[in-house]
């Protein structure tokens, strides 16, 4: 598919897991077990598997994820990097701050991303905070447009699950993409339709439900205390008390055989479901190891799930009504 004048596979690598430690006060907001040399090998394995789009943020590891991408992609200027601003970072203390971003913050934040990424221009810049009011977001995008005119970014968009945000900004020059949550448990129909009707590219976070759809986490496996999924955050629905949410494990068992049709792994089936919904969706599953990203990349070999399988999944999957409406992830 074409994206930003590049021919790319409809699949990216999410770089939150490689960022390592980051905190809001004492609360850990990173994934556990990140190791830099492994992360760089994982990025190279993604390239070997045909993945040339990498999704990161200034917040991931308080800048560390961007620095790792700069190191791993030093000789790959053709690789596309999506990064996000709008969350404050203290690199030295690995602290994040969540004060509402101001227009005056935009250019310094872009300059910080450029330094850490060691690039002259950002391919796609996203506003990171999901629920920023439209009136407050507009001047932030004005500042992004000024940066685009200055050649510091190629295009911009918003990481948001709300259709009204997408509609409000969709007609701006340079606004090309929405990043939103979507997976087989949460079909995000409204924002998918909104993006399609406005010609926006859709990047999909949480396509594997933060790992639940990998099948690695049963009812008894408990995550490390420093893992964001064990944080007990109110928005953390896929995991409860450091373990996979049993409601989602039950739903996964109902459709496991369908997702693994034609020899796919669960991971590959979950991504195939996304492409069956729209072949131009770009899921961005997070990965921390070579084995994870290699399995993810192999989903490209088989493409979307067959229509009959998609229909059967819909008959078996028990989606809560609340998962059909827009809500933050």
C-alpha atoms as a PDB file:
ATOM      1  CA  UNK A   1       0.000   0.000   0.000  1.00  0.00           C
ATOM      2  CA  UNK A   2       1.019   3.636  -0.473  1.00  0.00           C
ATOM      3  CA  UNK A   3       1.678   5.771   2.583  1.00  0.00           C
ATOM      4  CA  UNK A   4       3.497   9.110   2.522  1.00  0.00           C
ATOM      5  CA  UNK A   5       4.646   8.368  -1.036  1.00  0.00           C
ATOM      6  CA  UNK A   6       6.243   5.087   0.076  1.00  0.00           C
ATOM      7  CA  UNK A   7       5.157   1.580  -0.814  1.00  0.00           C
ATOM      8  CA  UNK A   8       4.883  -0.238   2.521  1.00  0.00           C
ATOM      9  CA  UNK A   9       3.439  -3.431   3.929  1.00  0.00           C
ATOM     10  CA  UNK A  10       0.219  -2.750   5.914  1.00  0.00           C
ATOM     11  CA  UNK A  11       1.980  -3.535   9.182  1.00  0.00           C
ATOM     12  CA  UNK A  12       4.194  -1.630  11.590  1.00  0.00           C
ATOM     13  CA  UNK A  13       6.166  -2.306  14.753  1.00  0.00           C
ATOM     14  CA  UNK A  14       5.011  -0.646  17.963  1.00  0.00           C
ATOM     15  CA  UNK A  15       7.941   0.606  20.038  1.00  0.00           C
ATOM     16  CA  UNK A  16       6.409   1.164  23.462  1.00  0.00           C
ATOM     17  CA  UNK A  17       7.762  -2.203  24.745  1.00  0.00           C
ATOM     18  CA  UNK A  18      11.371  -1.390  23.806  1.00  0.00           C
ATOM     19  CA  UNK A  19      11.367   1.977  25.583  1.00  0.00           C
ATOM     20  CA  UNK A  20      12.146   0.480  28.968  1.00  0.00           C
ATOM     21  CA  UNK A  21      11.407   2.164  32.283  1.00  0.00           C
ATOM     22  CA  UNK A  22       9.297   5.295  32.546  1.00  0.00           C
ATOM     23  CA  UNK A  23       7.226   6.600  35.400  1.00  0.00           C
ATOM     24  CA  UNK A  24       4.570   9.025  36.514  1.00  0.00           C
ATOM     25  CA  UNK A  25       5.697   9.623  40.070  1.00  0.00           C
ATOM     26  CA  UNK A  26       6.216   6.115  41.463  1.00  0.00           C
ATOM     27  CA  UNK A  27       3.865   4.480  38.948  1.00  0.00           C
ATOM     28  CA  UNK A  28       5.641   2.431  36.285  1.00  0.00           C
ATOM     29  CA  UNK A  29       4.300   3.044  32.766  1.00  0.00           C
ATOM     30  CA  UNK A  30       6.690   0.838  30.792  1.00  0.00           C
ATOM     31  CA  UNK A  31       6.845  -2.807  29.810  1.00  0.00           C
ATOM     32  CA  UNK A  32       9.168  -5.111  31.749  1.00  0.00           C
ATOM     33  CA  UNK A  33      12.264  -6.948  30.470  1.00  0.00           C
ATOM     34  CA  UNK A  34      13.319  -4.505  27.751  1.00  0.00           C
ATOM     35  CA  UNK A  35      17.009  -4.885  26.841  1.00  0.00           C
ATOM     36  CA  UNK A  36      18.664  -2.518  24.386  1.00  0.00           C
ATOM     37  CA  UNK A  37      20.728  -4.931  22.300  1.00  0.00           C
ATOM     38  CA  UNK A  38      17.711  -7.230  21.984  1.00  0.00           C
ATOM     39  CA  UNK A  39      15.543  -4.274  20.981  1.00  0.00           C
ATOM     40  CA  UNK A  40      17.931  -3.312  18.190  1.00  0.00           C
ATOM     41  CA  UNK A  41      17.995  -6.903  16.919  1.00  0.00           C
ATOM     42  CA  UNK A  42      14.187  -6.865  17.012  1.00  0.00           C
ATOM     43  CA  UNK A  43      14.053  -3.717  14.858  1.00  0.00           C
ATOM     44  CA  UNK A  44      16.435  -5.334  12.365  1.00  0.00           C
ATOM     45  CA  UNK A  45      14.313  -8.497  12.339  1.00  0.00           C
ATOM     46  CA  UNK A  46      11.267  -6.337  11.567  1.00  0.00           C
ATOM     47  CA  UNK A  47      13.080  -4.914   8.550  1.00  0.00           C
ATOM     48  CA  UNK A  48      14.074  -8.425   7.460  1.00  0.00           C
ATOM     49  CA  UNK A  49      10.403  -9.424   7.664  1.00  0.00           C
ATOM     50  CA  UNK A  50       9.251  -6.582   5.412  1.00  0.00           C
ATOM     51  CA  UNK A  51       8.167  -4.101   8.100  1.00  0.00           C
ATOM     52  CA  UNK A  52       9.372  -0.588   7.325  1.00  0.00           C
ATOM     53  CA  UNK A  53       7.094   1.514   9.562  1.00  0.00           C
ATOM     54  CA  UNK A  54       7.945   2.056  13.234  1.00  0.00           C
ATOM     55  CA  UNK A  55       5.576   3.689  15.721  1.00  0.00           C
ATOM     56  CA  UNK A  56       7.085   5.385  18.762  1.00  0.00           C
ATOM     57  CA  UNK A  57       6.552   8.459  20.972  1.00  0.00           C
ATOM     58  CA  UNK A  58       8.622  10.925  22.909  1.00  0.00           C
ATOM     59  CA  UNK A  59       6.996   9.431  26.014  1.00  0.00           C
ATOM     60  CA  UNK A  60       8.141   5.829  25.388  1.00  0.00           C
ATOM     61  CA  UNK A  61      10.964   5.349  27.841  1.00  0.00           C
ATOM     62  CA  UNK A  62      11.044   9.158  28.214  1.00  0.00           C
ATOM     63  CA  UNK A  63      12.888   9.430  24.899  1.00  0.00           C
ATOM     64  CA  UNK A  64      14.730   6.114  24.996  1.00  0.00           C
ATOM     65  CA  UNK A  65      12.626   4.359  22.347  1.00  0.00           C
ATOM     66  CA  UNK A  66      13.371   7.159  19.867  1.00  0.00           C
ATOM     67  CA  UNK A  67      17.099   6.916  20.596  1.00  0.00           C
ATOM     68  CA  UNK A  68      17.069   3.157  19.990  1.00  0.00           C
ATOM     69  CA  UNK A  69      15.320   3.661  16.652  1.00  0.00           C
ATOM     70  CA  UNK A  70      17.962   6.214  15.656  1.00  0.00           C
ATOM     71  CA  UNK A  71      20.674   3.673  16.381  1.00  0.00           C
ATOM     72  CA  UNK A  72      18.956   0.745  14.680  1.00  0.00           C
ATOM     73  CA  UNK A  73      17.839   2.691  11.586  1.00  0.00           C
ATOM     74  CA  UNK A  74      20.998   4.750  11.079  1.00  0.00           C
ATOM     75  CA  UNK A  75      21.567   3.234   7.642  1.00  0.00           C
ATOM     76  CA  UNK A  76      17.862   2.916   6.736  1.00  0.00           C
ATOM     77  CA  UNK A  77      16.579   6.394   5.867  1.00  0.00           C
ATOM     78  CA  UNK A  78      13.847   4.675   3.825  1.00  0.00           C
ATOM     79  CA  UNK A  79      12.189   3.371   7.013  1.00  0.00           C
ATOM     80  CA  UNK A  80       9.216   5.475   8.124  1.00  0.00           C
ATOM     81  CA  UNK A  81       9.000   6.704  11.716  1.00  0.00           C
ATOM     82  CA  UNK A  82       5.779   7.783  13.407  1.00  0.00           C
ATOM     83  CA  UNK A  83       6.282   9.597  16.689  1.00  0.00           C
ATOM     84  CA  UNK A  84       4.035  11.465  19.114  1.00  0.00           C
ATOM     85  CA  UNK A  85       4.216  14.570  21.261  1.00  0.00           C
ATOM     86  CA  UNK A  86       2.016  16.145  23.916  1.00  0.00           C
ATOM     87  CA  UNK A  87       3.225  14.273  27.014  1.00  0.00           C
ATOM     88  CA  UNK A  88       6.050  15.950  28.886  1.00  0.00           C
ATOM     89  CA  UNK A  89       9.251  13.984  29.474  1.00  0.00           C
ATOM     90  CA  UNK A  90      12.233  14.247  31.793  1.00  0.00           C
ATOM     91  CA  UNK A  91      14.850  12.025  30.152  1.00  0.00           C
ATOM     92  CA  UNK A  92      17.243  12.024  33.088  1.00  0.00           C
ATOM     93  CA  UNK A  93      14.617  11.006  35.669  1.00  0.00           C
ATOM     94  CA  UNK A  94      12.532   8.862  33.268  1.00  0.00           C
ATOM     95  CA  UNK A  95       9.469  10.820  34.350  1.00  0.00           C
ATOM     96  CA  UNK A  96       6.387  11.687  32.302  1.00  0.00           C
ATOM     97  CA  UNK A  97       4.106  14.653  32.990  1.00  0.00           C
ATOM     98  CA  UNK A  98       0.563  15.006  31.773  1.00  0.00           C
ATOM     99  CA  UNK A  99      -0.165  18.733  31.918  1.00  0.00           C
ATOM    100  CA  UNK A 100      -2.222  19.796  28.885  1.00  0.00           C
ATOM    101  CA  UNK A 101       0.182  20.621  26.026  1.00  0.00           C
ATOM    102  CA  UNK A 102       0.420  24.235  24.893  1.00  0.00           C
ATOM    103  CA  UNK A 103       1.115  25.577  21.378  1.00  0.00           C
ATOM    104  CA  UNK A 104       4.464  26.946  22.555  1.00  0.00           C
ATOM    105  CA  UNK A 105       5.464  23.391  23.515  1.00  0.00           C
ATOM    106  CA  UNK A 106       5.066  21.989  20.000  1.00  0.00           C
ATOM    107  CA  UNK A 107       8.216  23.206  18.257  1.00  0.00           C
ATOM    108  CA  UNK A 108      10.550  22.384  21.188  1.00  0.00           C
ATOM    109  CA  UNK A 109       8.970  18.923  21.390  1.00  0.00           C
ATOM    110  CA  UNK A 110       9.521  18.377  17.652  1.00  0.00           C
ATOM    111  CA  UNK A 111      13.129  19.513  17.949  1.00  0.00           C
ATOM    112  CA  UNK A 112      13.620  17.060  20.806  1.00  0.00           C
ATOM    113  CA  UNK A 113      12.230  14.194  18.712  1.00  0.00           C
ATOM    114  CA  UNK A 114      14.475  15.141  15.787  1.00  0.00           C
ATOM    115  CA  UNK A 115      17.558  15.126  18.023  1.00  0.00           C
ATOM    116  CA  UNK A 116      16.736  11.760  19.551  1.00  0.00           C
ATOM    117  CA  UNK A 117      15.796  10.192  16.199  1.00  0.00           C
ATOM    118  CA  UNK A 118      18.860  11.749  14.517  1.00  0.00           C
ATOM    119  CA  UNK A 119      16.751  12.775  11.549  1.00  0.00           C
ATOM    120  CA  UNK A 120      16.190  16.011   9.686  1.00  0.00           C
ATOM    121  CA  UNK A 121      12.456  15.429   9.335  1.00  0.00           C
ATOM    122  CA  UNK A 122       9.753  13.390  11.085  1.00  0.00           C
ATOM    123  CA  UNK A 123       7.651  11.310   8.692  1.00  0.00           C
ATOM    124  CA  UNK A 124       4.413  11.418  10.687  1.00  0.00           C
ATOM    125  CA  UNK A 125       3.862  13.354  13.911  1.00  0.00           C
ATOM    126  CA  UNK A 126       0.841  12.547  16.072  1.00  0.00           C
ATOM    127  CA  UNK A 127      -0.749  14.398  18.943  1.00  0.00           C
ATOM    128  CA  UNK A 128      -0.484  11.839  21.743  1.00  0.00           C
ATOM    129  CA  UNK A 129      -3.168  12.761  24.327  1.00  0.00           C
ATOM    130  CA  UNK A 130      -6.351  10.940  23.366  1.00  0.00           C
ATOM    131  CA  UNK A 131      -8.977  13.209  24.864  1.00  0.00           C
ATOM    132  CA  UNK A 132      -7.620  16.733  24.294  1.00  0.00           C
ATOM    133  CA  UNK A 133     -10.630  19.019  23.700  1.00  0.00           C
ATOM    134  CA  UNK A 134     -10.982  20.069  20.075  1.00  0.00           C
ATOM    135  CA  UNK A 135     -10.681  23.765  20.917  1.00  0.00           C
ATOM    136  CA  UNK A 136      -7.393  23.106  22.712  1.00  0.00           C
ATOM    137  CA  UNK A 137      -6.075  20.818  19.973  1.00  0.00           C
ATOM    138  CA  UNK A 138      -6.635  23.261  17.110  1.00  0.00           C
ATOM    139  CA  UNK A 139      -3.762  25.631  18.006  1.00  0.00           C
ATOM    140  CA  UNK A 140      -1.496  22.609  18.549  1.00  0.00           C
ATOM    141  CA  UNK A 141      -2.170  21.516  14.980  1.00  0.00           C
ATOM    142  CA  UNK A 142      -1.613  25.086  13.801  1.00  0.00           C
ATOM    143  CA  UNK A 143       1.872  24.810  15.293  1.00  0.00           C
ATOM    144  CA  UNK A 144       2.370  21.429  13.619  1.00  0.00           C
ATOM    145  CA  UNK A 145       1.394  22.940  10.280  1.00  0.00           C
ATOM    146  CA  UNK A 146       3.996  25.668  10.782  1.00  0.00           C
ATOM    147  CA  UNK A 147       6.565  22.946  11.449  1.00  0.00           C
ATOM    148  CA  UNK A 148       5.441  21.136   8.305  1.00  0.00           C
ATOM    149  CA  UNK A 149       5.857  24.283   6.252  1.00  0.00           C
ATOM    150  CA  UNK A 150       9.349  24.625   7.735  1.00  0.00           C
ATOM    151  CA  UNK A 151      10.201  21.087   6.583  1.00  0.00           C
ATOM    152  CA  UNK A 152      10.500  19.574  10.064  1.00  0.00           C
ATOM    153  CA  UNK A 153       7.642  17.075   9.588  1.00  0.00           C
ATOM    154  CA  UNK A 154       6.080  15.527   6.490  1.00  0.00           C
ATOM    155  CA  UNK A 155       2.564  15.077   7.850  1.00  0.00           C
ATOM    156  CA  UNK A 156       0.625  14.929  11.091  1.00  0.00           C
ATOM    157  CA  UNK A 157      -2.383  13.329  12.760  1.00  0.00           C
ATOM    158  CA  UNK A 158      -3.878  12.351  16.111  1.00  0.00           C
ATOM    159  CA  UNK A 159      -3.715   9.308  18.368  1.00  0.00           C
ATOM    160  CA  UNK A 160      -7.365   9.362  19.403  1.00  0.00           C
ATOM    161  CA  UNK A 161     -10.325   7.027  19.663  1.00  0.00           C
ATOM    162  CA  UNK A 162     -12.896   9.783  19.127  1.00  0.00           C
ATOM    163  CA  UNK A 163     -14.529  10.411  15.774  1.00  0.00           C
ATOM    164  CA  UNK A 164     -15.403  14.015  16.556  1.00  0.00           C
ATOM    165  CA  UNK A 165     -11.683  14.760  16.973  1.00  0.00           C
ATOM    166  CA  UNK A 166     -10.908  13.133  13.647  1.00  0.00           C
ATOM    167  CA  UNK A 167     -13.697  15.012  11.848  1.00  0.00           C
ATOM    168  CA  UNK A 168     -12.663  18.360  13.339  1.00  0.00           C
ATOM    169  CA  UNK A 169      -9.118  18.110  11.966  1.00  0.00           C
ATOM    170  CA  UNK A 170      -9.552  15.944   8.875  1.00  0.00           C
ATOM    171  CA  UNK A 171      -9.692  18.769   6.317  1.00  0.00           C
ATOM    172  CA  UNK A 172      -6.476  20.425   7.450  1.00  0.00           C
ATOM    173  CA  UNK A 173      -3.601  20.352   5.016  1.00  0.00           C
ATOM    174  CA  UNK A 174      -1.082  17.830   6.285  1.00  0.00           C
ATOM    175  CA  UNK A 175      -3.534  15.932   8.525  1.00  0.00           C
ATOM    176  CA  UNK A 176      -3.379  12.412   7.083  1.00  0.00           C
ATOM    177  CA  UNK A 177      -3.804   9.789   9.803  1.00  0.00           C
ATOM    178  CA  UNK A 178      -5.615   8.640  12.911  1.00  0.00           C
ATOM    179  CA  UNK A 179      -4.121   6.142  15.324  1.00  0.00           C
ATOM    180  CA  UNK A 180      -6.788   4.352  17.328  1.00  0.00           C
ATOM    181  CA  UNK A 181      -7.363   1.171  19.307  1.00  0.00           C
ATOM    182  CA  UNK A 182      -8.816  -1.816  17.489  1.00  0.00           C
ATOM    183  CA  UNK A 183      -8.720  -5.576  17.789  1.00  0.00           C
ATOM    184  CA  UNK A 184     -11.038  -8.540  17.503  1.00  0.00           C
ATOM    185  CA  UNK A 185     -12.481  -7.728  20.944  1.00  0.00           C
ATOM    186  CA  UNK A 186     -13.079  -4.064  20.057  1.00  0.00           C
ATOM    187  CA  UNK A 187     -14.129  -3.401  16.483  1.00  0.00           C
ATOM    188  CA  UNK A 188     -14.019   0.439  16.517  1.00  0.00           C
ATOM    189  CA  UNK A 189     -16.586   0.670  13.742  1.00  0.00           C
ATOM    190  CA  UNK A 190     -17.429   4.330  14.177  1.00  0.00           C
ATOM    191  CA  UNK A 191     -13.936   5.768  13.938  1.00  0.00           C
ATOM    192  CA  UNK A 192     -13.052   3.317  11.164  1.00  0.00           C
ATOM    193  CA  UNK A 193     -15.968   4.617   9.108  1.00  0.00           C
ATOM    194  CA  UNK A 194     -15.082   8.218   9.938  1.00  0.00           C
ATOM    195  CA  UNK A 195     -11.470   7.776   8.872  1.00  0.00           C
ATOM    196  CA  UNK A 196     -12.441   6.020   5.662  1.00  0.00           C
ATOM    197  CA  UNK A 197     -14.986   8.689   4.705  1.00  0.00           C
ATOM    198  CA  UNK A 198     -12.366  11.413   5.195  1.00  0.00           C
ATOM    199  CA  UNK A 199      -9.552   9.591   3.418  1.00  0.00           C
ATOM    200  CA  UNK A 200      -7.425   9.192   6.556  1.00  0.00           C
ATOM    201  CA  UNK A 201      -4.928   6.387   7.045  1.00  0.00           C
ATOM    202  CA  UNK A 202      -5.670   4.250  10.114  1.00  0.00           C
ATOM    203  CA  UNK A 203      -2.843   3.063  12.350  1.00  0.00           C
ATOM    204  CA  UNK A 204      -4.122   0.576  14.913  1.00  0.00           C
ATOM    205  CA  UNK A 205      -2.752   0.308  18.422  1.00  0.00           C
ATOM    206  CA  UNK A 206      -3.520  -2.631  20.733  1.00  0.00           C
ATOM    207  CA  UNK A 207      -4.179  -4.997  17.794  1.00  0.00           C
ATOM    208  CA  UNK A 208      -3.183  -7.914  20.032  1.00  0.00           C
ATOM    209  CA  UNK A 209      -5.017  -6.574  23.111  1.00  0.00           C
ATOM    210  CA  UNK A 210      -1.685  -5.857  24.815  1.00  0.00           C
ATOM    211  CA  UNK A 211      -0.702  -9.505  24.455  1.00  0.00           C
ATOM    212  CA  UNK A 212      -3.915 -11.298  25.413  1.00  0.00           C
ATOM    213  CA  UNK A 213      -4.431 -12.293  21.765  1.00  0.00           C
ATOM    214  CA  UNK A 214      -0.969 -13.855  21.639  1.00  0.00           C
ATOM    215  CA  UNK A 215      -2.242 -16.729  23.789  1.00  0.00           C
ATOM    216  CA  UNK A 216       0.827 -16.453  26.047  1.00  0.00           C
ATOM    217  CA  UNK A 217      -1.104 -15.407  29.124  1.00  0.00           C
ATOM    218  CA  UNK A 218      -3.403 -17.895  30.773  1.00  0.00           C
ATOM    219  CA  UNK A 219      -5.483 -17.516  33.900  1.00  0.00           C
ATOM    220  CA  UNK A 220      -2.542 -18.056  36.268  1.00  0.00           C
ATOM    221  CA  UNK A 221       0.427 -16.201  34.694  1.00  0.00           C
ATOM    222  CA  UNK A 222       1.212 -13.028  36.620  1.00  0.00           C
ATOM    223  CA  UNK A 223       3.178 -10.157  35.098  1.00  0.00           C
ATOM    224  CA  UNK A 224       6.098  -8.421  36.787  1.00  0.00           C
ATOM    225  CA  UNK A 225       5.101  -5.573  39.084  1.00  0.00           C
ATOM    226  CA  UNK A 226       7.006  -3.040  36.971  1.00  0.00           C
ATOM    227  CA  UNK A 227       5.007  -3.913  33.846  1.00  0.00           C
ATOM    228  CA  UNK A 228       2.350  -1.373  32.835  1.00  0.00           C
ATOM    229  CA  UNK A 229      -0.138  -4.225  32.418  1.00  0.00           C
ATOM    230  CA  UNK A 230       0.168  -4.979  36.143  1.00  0.00           C
ATOM    231  CA  UNK A 231      -0.362  -1.351  37.118  1.00  0.00           C
ATOM    232  CA  UNK A 232      -4.043  -1.539  38.019  1.00  0.00           C
ATOM    233  CA  UNK A 233      -4.700   1.614  35.967  1.00  0.00           C
ATOM    234  CA  UNK A 234      -8.402   2.250  35.458  1.00  0.00           C
ATOM    235  CA  UNK A 235      -8.050   2.064  31.660  1.00  0.00           C
ATOM    236  CA  UNK A 236      -6.206  -1.284  31.785  1.00  0.00           C
ATOM    237  CA  UNK A 237      -9.028  -3.612  30.767  1.00  0.00           C
ATOM    238  CA  UNK A 238      -7.095  -6.464  29.171  1.00  0.00           C
ATOM    239  CA  UNK A 239      -5.303  -7.285  32.446  1.00  0.00           C
ATOM    240  CA  UNK A 240      -6.545  -7.266  36.036  1.00  0.00           C
ATOM    241  CA  UNK A 241      -4.378  -7.679  39.138  1.00  0.00           C
ATOM    242  CA  UNK A 242      -1.386  -8.453  36.942  1.00  0.00           C
ATOM    243  CA  UNK A 243      -3.106 -11.312  35.122  1.00  0.00           C
ATOM    244  CA  UNK A 244      -5.025 -11.567  31.849  1.00  0.00           C
ATOM    245  CA  UNK A 245      -8.641 -10.500  32.311  1.00  0.00           C
ATOM    246  CA  UNK A 246     -10.661 -13.753  32.431  1.00  0.00           C
ATOM    247  CA  UNK A 247     -13.491 -12.159  30.439  1.00  0.00           C
ATOM    248  CA  UNK A 248     -11.144 -11.747  27.474  1.00  0.00           C
ATOM    249  CA  UNK A 249      -9.615 -15.190  27.929  1.00  0.00           C
ATOM    250  CA  UNK A 250     -13.135 -16.630  27.703  1.00  0.00           C
ATOM    251  CA  UNK A 251     -13.835 -14.718  24.508  1.00  0.00           C
ATOM    252  CA  UNK A 252     -10.522 -15.792  23.049  1.00  0.00           C
ATOM    253  CA  UNK A 253     -11.326 -19.463  23.649  1.00  0.00           C
ATOM    254  CA  UNK A 254     -14.629 -19.030  21.798  1.00  0.00           C
ATOM    255  CA  UNK A 255     -12.829 -17.963  18.603  1.00  0.00           C
ATOM    256  CA  UNK A 256      -9.384 -19.563  18.959  1.00  0.00           C
ATOM    257  CA  UNK A 257      -9.972 -22.194  16.271  1.00  0.00           C
ATOM    258  CA  UNK A 258     -11.262 -19.588  13.827  1.00  0.00           C
ATOM    259  CA  UNK A 259      -8.312 -17.243  14.325  1.00  0.00           C
ATOM    260  CA  UNK A 260      -5.901 -20.113  13.718  1.00  0.00           C
ATOM    261  CA  UNK A 261      -7.564 -21.175  10.486  1.00  0.00           C
ATOM    262  CA  UNK A 262      -5.287 -22.180   7.586  1.00  0.00           C
ATOM    263  CA  UNK A 263      -2.342 -22.758   9.899  1.00  0.00           C
ATOM    264  CA  UNK A 264      -2.098 -19.259  11.363  1.00  0.00           C
ATOM    265  CA  UNK A 265      -0.876 -18.636  14.893  1.00  0.00           C
ATOM    266  CA  UNK A 266      -3.187 -16.676  17.191  1.00  0.00           C
ATOM    267  CA  UNK A 267      -1.097 -13.559  16.617  1.00  0.00           C
ATOM    268  CA  UNK A 268      -1.312 -13.960  12.866  1.00  0.00           C
ATOM    269  CA  UNK A 269      -5.046 -14.639  13.020  1.00  0.00           C
ATOM    270  CA  UNK A 270      -5.672 -11.537  15.105  1.00  0.00           C
ATOM    271  CA  UNK A 271      -3.835  -9.404  12.542  1.00  0.00           C
ATOM    272  CA  UNK A 272      -5.612 -11.192   9.681  1.00  0.00           C
ATOM    273  CA  UNK A 273      -8.957 -10.245  11.272  1.00  0.00           C
ATOM    274  CA  UNK A 274      -7.907  -6.571  11.139  1.00  0.00           C
ATOM    275  CA  UNK A 275      -6.994  -6.752   7.439  1.00  0.00           C
ATOM    276  CA  UNK A 276     -10.265  -8.515   6.676  1.00  0.00           C
ATOM    277  CA  UNK A 277     -12.048  -5.494   8.127  1.00  0.00           C
ATOM    278  CA  UNK A 278     -10.031  -3.173   5.884  1.00  0.00           C
ATOM    279  CA  UNK A 279      -6.935  -4.208   3.900  1.00  0.00           C
ATOM    280  CA  UNK A 280      -5.418  -0.745   4.313  1.00  0.00           C
ATOM    281  CA  UNK A 281      -5.533  -0.840   8.117  1.00  0.00           C
ATOM    282  CA  UNK A 282      -1.997  -0.698   9.515  1.00  0.00           C
ATOM    283  CA  UNK A 283      -1.814  -2.591  12.806  1.00  0.00           C
ATOM    284  CA  UNK A 284       1.192  -1.661  14.937  1.00  0.00           C
ATOM    285  CA  UNK A 285       1.657  -4.502  17.421  1.00  0.00           C
ATOM    286  CA  UNK A 286       4.329  -3.973  20.029  1.00  0.00           C
ATOM    287  CA  UNK A 287       7.320  -6.296  20.041  1.00  0.00           C
ATOM    288  CA  UNK A 288      10.319  -6.737  22.296  1.00  0.00           C
ATOM    289  CA  UNK A 289      12.062  -9.826  20.862  1.00  0.00           C
ATOM    290  CA  UNK A 290      13.135 -11.151  17.474  1.00  0.00           C
ATOM    291  CA  UNK A 291      10.828 -14.147  17.846  1.00  0.00           C
ATOM    292  CA  UNK A 292       7.815 -11.910  18.472  1.00  0.00           C
ATOM    293  CA  UNK A 293       8.371  -9.647  15.483  1.00  0.00           C
ATOM    294  CA  UNK A 294       9.208 -12.565  13.185  1.00  0.00           C
ATOM    295  CA  UNK A 295       5.893 -14.235  14.015  1.00  0.00           C
ATOM    296  CA  UNK A 296       4.095 -10.922  13.531  1.00  0.00           C
ATOM    297  CA  UNK A 297       5.706 -10.284  10.137  1.00  0.00           C
ATOM    298  CA  UNK A 298       4.748 -13.740   8.870  1.00  0.00           C
ATOM    299  CA  UNK A 299       1.095 -12.688   9.115  1.00  0.00           C
ATOM    300  CA  UNK A 300       1.717 -10.819   5.859  1.00  0.00           C
ATOM    301  CA  UNK A 301       2.184 -14.131   4.042  1.00  0.00           C
ATOM    302  CA  UNK A 302      -1.453 -15.233   4.445  1.00  0.00           C
ATOM    303  CA  UNK A 303      -3.287 -11.899   4.422  1.00  0.00           C
ATOM    304  CA  UNK A 304      -6.892 -11.372   5.630  1.00  0.00           C
ATOM    305  CA  UNK A 305      -9.127 -14.024   7.140  1.00  0.00           C
ATOM    306  CA  UNK A 306     -11.699 -15.497   4.722  1.00  0.00           C
ATOM    307  CA  UNK A 307     -15.179 -13.890   4.736  1.00  0.00           C
ATOM    308  CA  UNK A 308     -16.845 -17.051   6.022  1.00  0.00           C
ATOM    309  CA  UNK A 309     -14.459 -17.152   8.976  1.00  0.00           C
ATOM    310  CA  UNK A 310     -15.122 -13.483   9.723  1.00  0.00           C
ATOM    311  CA  UNK A 311     -18.860 -14.121   9.727  1.00  0.00           C
ATOM    312  CA  UNK A 312     -18.516 -17.071  12.081  1.00  0.00           C
ATOM    313  CA  UNK A 313     -16.390 -15.049  14.486  1.00  0.00           C
ATOM    314  CA  UNK A 314     -19.165 -12.474  14.679  1.00  0.00           C
ATOM    315  CA  UNK A 315     -21.707 -15.151  15.601  1.00  0.00           C
ATOM    316  CA  UNK A 316     -19.526 -16.537  18.399  1.00  0.00           C
ATOM    317  CA  UNK A 317     -17.897 -13.465  19.877  1.00  0.00           C
ATOM    318  CA  UNK A 318     -19.631 -11.942  22.869  1.00  0.00           C
ATOM    319  CA  UNK A 319     -18.854  -8.233  22.646  1.00  0.00           C
ATOM    320  CA  UNK A 320     -20.130  -6.024  25.432  1.00  0.00           C
ATOM    321  CA  UNK A 321     -22.318  -3.200  24.175  1.00  0.00           C
ATOM    322  CA  UNK A 322     -19.920  -0.728  25.759  1.00  0.00           C
ATOM    323  CA  UNK A 323     -17.166  -1.993  23.460  1.00  0.00           C
ATOM    324  CA  UNK A 324     -19.139  -0.789  20.458  1.00  0.00           C
ATOM    325  CA  UNK A 325     -18.942   2.862  21.460  1.00  0.00           C
ATOM    326  CA  UNK A 326     -16.004   5.206  21.520  1.00  0.00           C
ATOM    327  CA  UNK A 327     -13.953   5.241  24.662  1.00  0.00           C
ATOM    328  CA  UNK A 328     -10.293   5.859  25.522  1.00  0.00           C
ATOM    329  CA  UNK A 329      -7.722   3.079  25.417  1.00  0.00           C
END
